[in-house]
Amino acid sequence: MAVTEQERRKGVKKRFIVGGVAMGVLLSGGYLFLNLTGRSFTGEWAPPDPLGIRFVNVFLILAACVLQGSILGRVVGFLTRKR
């Protein structure tokens, strides 16, 4: 059974979204690790964020990564389409 162009582009987009989720989990984990150990990205001491701020920051990191993956999937699907 032949794969249509639209199904192929959907598969490409789905892979990029899954990659965005994976990257978001890694970045969120790094943020939480640094925050809970009291360090900043520069390596200096920083007071930990309040719990509510942590939840919001983790959500924003995940949302930004998924959105970026979705946009990259659309761009790659557009660039690789047959003319």
Protein backbone atom coordinates (compact mmCIF):
# COMPACT_ATOMS: atom_id res chain seq x y z
CA MET A 1 0.00 0.00 0.00
CA ALA A 2 1.46 3.32 -1.07
CA VAL A 3 1.95 6.08 1.48
CA THR A 4 0.36 9.34 0.43
CA GLU A 5 2.17 12.65 0.62
CA GLN A 6 -0.08 13.87 3.43
CA GLU A 7 0.53 10.76 5.56
CA ARG A 8 4.29 11.10 5.08
CA ARG A 9 4.22 14.75 6.15
CA LYS A 10 2.12 13.83 9.20
CA GLY A 11 4.72 11.23 10.19
CA VAL A 12 7.53 13.74 9.85
CA LYS A 13 5.67 16.30 11.94
CA LYS A 14 4.89 13.69 14.62
CA ARG A 15 8.57 12.77 14.91
CA PHE A 16 9.54 16.40 15.43
CA ILE A 17 6.86 16.85 18.11
CA VAL A 18 8.11 13.75 19.94
CA GLY A 19 11.64 15.16 19.69
CA GLY A 20 10.37 18.46 21.10
CA VAL A 21 8.78 16.65 24.04
CA ALA A 22 12.02 14.75 24.69
CA MET A 23 14.07 17.96 24.54
CA GLY A 24 11.56 19.68 26.83
CA VAL A 25 11.83 16.91 29.40
CA LEU A 26 15.63 17.13 29.34
CA LEU A 27 15.66 20.91 29.68
CA SER A 28 13.01 20.87 32.41
CA GLY A 29 14.97 18.24 34.31
CA GLY A 30 18.12 20.33 34.03
CA TYR A 31 16.26 23.41 35.23
CA LEU A 32 14.82 21.55 38.22
CA PHE A 33 18.18 20.00 39.08
CA LEU A 34 19.95 23.36 39.06
CA ASN A 35 17.11 25.04 40.92
CA LEU A 36 16.90 22.43 43.67
CA THR A 37 20.67 22.32 44.19
CA GLY A 38 20.82 26.11 44.48
CA ARG A 39 22.93 26.81 41.42
CA SER A 40 22.39 29.00 38.38
CA PHE A 41 23.38 28.42 34.76
CA THR A 42 26.58 30.36 35.40
CA GLY A 43 27.53 28.08 38.30
CA GLU A 44 27.03 30.66 41.03
CA TRP A 45 24.72 30.23 44.01
CA ALA A 46 21.09 31.21 43.46
CA PRO A 47 18.15 30.94 45.84
CA PRO A 48 15.60 28.32 44.75
CA ASP A 49 12.40 29.51 43.11
CA PRO A 50 9.07 29.12 44.92
CA LEU A 51 7.08 25.99 44.09
CA GLY A 52 4.47 27.79 41.96
CA ILE A 53 7.14 29.48 39.86
CA ARG A 54 8.81 26.11 39.26
CA PHE A 55 5.57 24.61 37.93
CA VAL A 56 5.04 27.56 35.60
CA ASN A 57 8.63 27.48 34.35
CA VAL A 58 8.53 23.72 33.66
CA PHE A 59 5.24 24.16 31.77
CA LEU A 60 6.67 27.03 29.71
CA ILE A 61 9.83 25.09 28.86
CA LEU A 62 7.79 22.06 27.73
CA ALA A 63 5.31 24.18 25.75
CA ALA A 64 8.09 26.09 23.99
CA CYS A 65 9.89 22.88 23.01
CA VAL A 66 6.73 21.23 21.68
CA LEU A 67 5.82 24.37 19.73
CA GLN A 68 9.32 24.57 18.28
CA GLY A 69 9.17 20.89 17.30
CA SER A 70 5.81 21.44 15.62
CA ILE A 71 7.08 24.43 13.66
CA LEU A 72 10.24 22.58 12.59
CA GLY A 73 8.14 19.60 11.51
CA ARG A 74 5.98 21.84 9.33
CA VAL A 75 9.03 23.53 7.81
CA VAL A 76 10.72 20.21 7.02
CA GLY A 77 7.48 18.83 5.60
CA PHE A 78 7.12 21.91 3.41
CA LEU A 79 10.73 21.82 2.22
CA THR A 80 10.67 18.11 1.38
CA ARG A 81 7.32 18.07 -0.46
CA LYS A 82 7.27 17.12 -4.09
CA ARG A 83 6.53 19.95 -6.44
